[in-house]
Amino acid sequence: MSGQEPAMRALGWARALPVSGGVRVGRIWARRHLDELGWTERAPETADAVVLTISELITNSHVHARSDAELVLTWDGSCLYVSVHDASSQEPRPREAGQDAVSGRGMALIDALADTWQTRPDERGKTVTACFHPPGQPGH
């Protein structure tokens, strides 16, 4: 392939997480893949932000959508995409939570932790995807 760009390589993992016990399982599963990528050693703060984001997105799926969550992690060499699909078409949004509120801060946290995030509706619900660049790369 002389004179051509190398083919793009991406790594990806997917996991279905049922309403019963999915949040904890999702965090453990994601941490294992972050270990494989070397993020827990080289970028521990970013790895923690990814795990917290996953926890919030799975919780939103279970609590607000009353649905199982489908978690997909995709690493393309510059961004780790964290995608969670659920059965609700209602788009999440950051909101102001009162000082005494015990919930309502999840999307505001994701907004603060992720480099970017977006929601894509589809015929089965929606997918929320957050992008994380490791430290030292553009966008971080």
Protein backbone atom coordinates (compact mmCIF):
# COMPACT_ATOMS: atom_id res chain seq x y z
CA MET A 1 0.00 0.00 0.00
CA SER A 2 2.72 2.46 -0.88
CA GLY A 3 1.60 6.05 -1.10
CA GLN A 4 -1.73 5.31 0.59
CA GLU A 5 -2.94 6.05 4.06
CA PRO A 6 -2.93 3.02 6.36
CA ALA A 7 -6.32 1.42 6.84
CA MET A 8 -8.21 2.70 9.85
CA ARG A 9 -8.23 0.21 12.67
CA ALA A 10 -10.76 0.31 15.45
CA LEU A 11 -11.44 -1.84 18.48
CA GLY A 12 -14.90 -2.36 19.82
CA TRP A 13 -16.79 -4.22 22.50
CA ALA A 14 -20.52 -4.59 23.12
CA ARG A 15 -22.56 -5.80 26.07
CA ALA A 16 -26.27 -6.01 26.90
CA LEU A 17 -27.05 -4.97 30.47
CA PRO A 18 -30.41 -5.96 31.95
CA VAL A 19 -32.24 -3.73 34.40
CA SER A 20 -31.37 -6.13 37.23
CA GLY A 21 -27.71 -5.61 38.13
CA GLY A 22 -26.61 -3.95 34.89
CA VAL A 23 -24.92 -0.85 36.33
CA ARG A 24 -22.32 -2.68 38.44
CA VAL A 25 -21.69 -5.26 35.73
CA GLY A 26 -21.26 -2.47 33.17
CA ARG A 27 -18.68 -0.66 35.30
CA ILE A 28 -16.64 -3.83 35.88
CA TRP A 29 -16.85 -4.83 32.21
CA ALA A 30 -15.79 -1.36 31.02
CA ARG A 31 -12.90 -1.18 33.50
CA ARG A 32 -11.54 -4.46 32.11
CA HIS A 33 -11.51 -3.01 28.58
CA LEU A 34 -9.96 0.24 29.78
CA ASP A 35 -7.23 -1.91 31.36
CA GLU A 36 -6.69 -3.64 28.00
CA LEU A 37 -6.25 -0.24 26.33
CA GLY A 38 -3.81 0.85 29.05
CA TRP A 39 -6.00 3.78 30.09
CA THR A 40 -6.22 2.88 33.79
CA GLU A 41 -2.43 3.12 33.98
CA ARG A 42 -1.67 5.93 31.51
CA ALA A 43 -4.82 8.05 31.93
CA PRO A 44 -6.46 7.09 35.25
CA GLU A 45 -8.54 10.28 35.56
CA THR A 46 -9.96 9.80 32.07
CA ALA A 47 -10.62 6.11 32.76
CA ASP A 48 -12.52 7.10 35.92
CA ALA A 49 -14.53 9.67 33.91
CA VAL A 50 -15.41 6.95 31.36
CA VAL A 51 -16.58 4.55 34.09
CA LEU A 52 -18.66 7.27 35.79
CA THR A 53 -20.22 8.19 32.44
CA ILE A 54 -21.09 4.55 31.78
CA SER A 55 -22.64 4.26 35.22
CA GLU A 56 -24.78 7.37 34.65
CA LEU A 57 -25.91 6.33 31.16
CA ILE A 58 -26.85 2.80 32.24
CA THR A 59 -28.68 4.21 35.27
CA ASN A 60 -30.60 6.59 32.99
CA SER A 61 -31.58 3.66 30.77
CA HIS A 62 -32.82 1.63 33.70
CA VAL A 63 -34.51 4.42 35.69
CA HIS A 64 -35.85 6.84 33.08
CA ALA A 65 -36.34 4.57 30.05
CA ARG A 66 -37.25 1.54 32.20
CA SER A 67 -35.24 -0.45 29.71
CA ASP A 68 -32.26 -2.73 29.40
CA ALA A 69 -29.13 -0.95 28.20
CA GLU A 70 -26.90 -1.88 25.29
CA LEU A 71 -23.36 -0.65 25.94
CA VAL A 72 -20.79 -0.32 23.15
CA LEU A 73 -17.20 0.90 23.56
CA THR A 74 -15.30 1.82 20.39
CA TRP A 75 -11.68 3.00 20.28
CA ASP A 76 -10.55 4.45 16.95
CA GLY A 77 -7.10 5.64 18.00
CA SER A 78 -8.13 9.18 18.86
CA CYS A 79 -11.46 8.89 20.68
CA LEU A 80 -13.03 6.30 22.94
CA TYR A 81 -16.74 6.32 22.12
CA VAL A 82 -19.07 5.21 24.91
CA SER A 83 -22.53 4.47 23.50
CA VAL A 84 -25.57 3.35 25.47
CA HIS A 85 -28.82 2.50 23.73
CA ASP A 86 -32.19 2.22 25.47
CA ALA A 87 -35.84 1.86 24.46
CA SER A 88 -36.93 5.44 25.17
CA SER A 89 -37.14 8.07 22.44
CA GLN A 90 -36.98 10.89 25.01
CA GLU A 91 -33.66 12.71 24.69
CA PRO A 92 -31.66 13.33 27.87
CA ARG A 93 -30.66 16.84 28.76
CA PRO A 94 -28.57 18.44 31.47
CA ARG A 95 -30.76 20.12 34.06
CA GLU A 96 -30.41 22.13 37.22
CA ALA A 97 -30.77 19.96 40.31
CA GLY A 98 -31.49 21.61 43.63
CA GLN A 99 -28.99 21.35 46.47
CA ASP A 100 -31.08 18.76 48.28
CA ALA A 101 -31.98 16.74 45.16
CA VAL A 102 -30.82 13.13 45.19
CA SER A 103 -30.93 12.83 41.40
CA GLY A 104 -30.90 14.96 38.28
CA ARG A 105 -27.18 15.56 37.87
CA GLY A 106 -26.24 12.69 35.52
CA MET A 107 -26.25 14.48 32.17
CA ALA A 108 -24.64 17.58 33.69
CA LEU A 109 -21.85 15.28 34.93
CA ILE A 110 -21.45 13.72 31.50
CA ASP A 111 -21.43 17.19 29.95
CA ALA A 112 -18.54 18.09 32.28
CA LEU A 113 -16.60 14.81 31.93
CA ALA A 114 -16.84 13.93 28.22
CA ASP A 115 -15.12 15.85 25.45
CA THR A 116 -18.38 15.71 23.49
CA TRP A 117 -21.68 13.85 23.65
CA GLN A 118 -24.73 13.49 21.47
CA THR A 119 -28.02 11.65 21.22
CA ARG A 120 -29.28 9.80 18.14
CA PRO A 121 -32.89 8.63 18.05
CA ASP A 122 -33.83 5.51 16.08
CA GLU A 123 -36.87 3.32 15.58
CA ARG A 124 -36.09 1.35 18.76
CA GLY A 125 -35.33 4.29 21.10
CA LYS A 126 -32.13 6.30 21.27
CA THR A 127 -28.37 6.02 21.63
CA VAL A 128 -26.36 8.44 23.75
CA THR A 129 -22.70 8.55 22.73
CA ALA A 130 -19.91 10.31 24.63
CA CYS A 131 -16.40 10.79 23.26
CA PHE A 132 -13.26 10.74 25.41
CA HIS A 133 -9.82 11.73 24.09
CA PRO A 134 -6.89 10.52 26.18
CA PRO A 135 -4.74 13.25 27.75
CA GLY A 136 -2.28 14.83 25.35
CA GLN A 137 -4.51 14.39 22.28
CA PRO A 138 -6.50 17.13 20.57
CA GLY A 139 -9.88 17.76 22.10
CA HIS A 140 -8.81 16.97 25.65
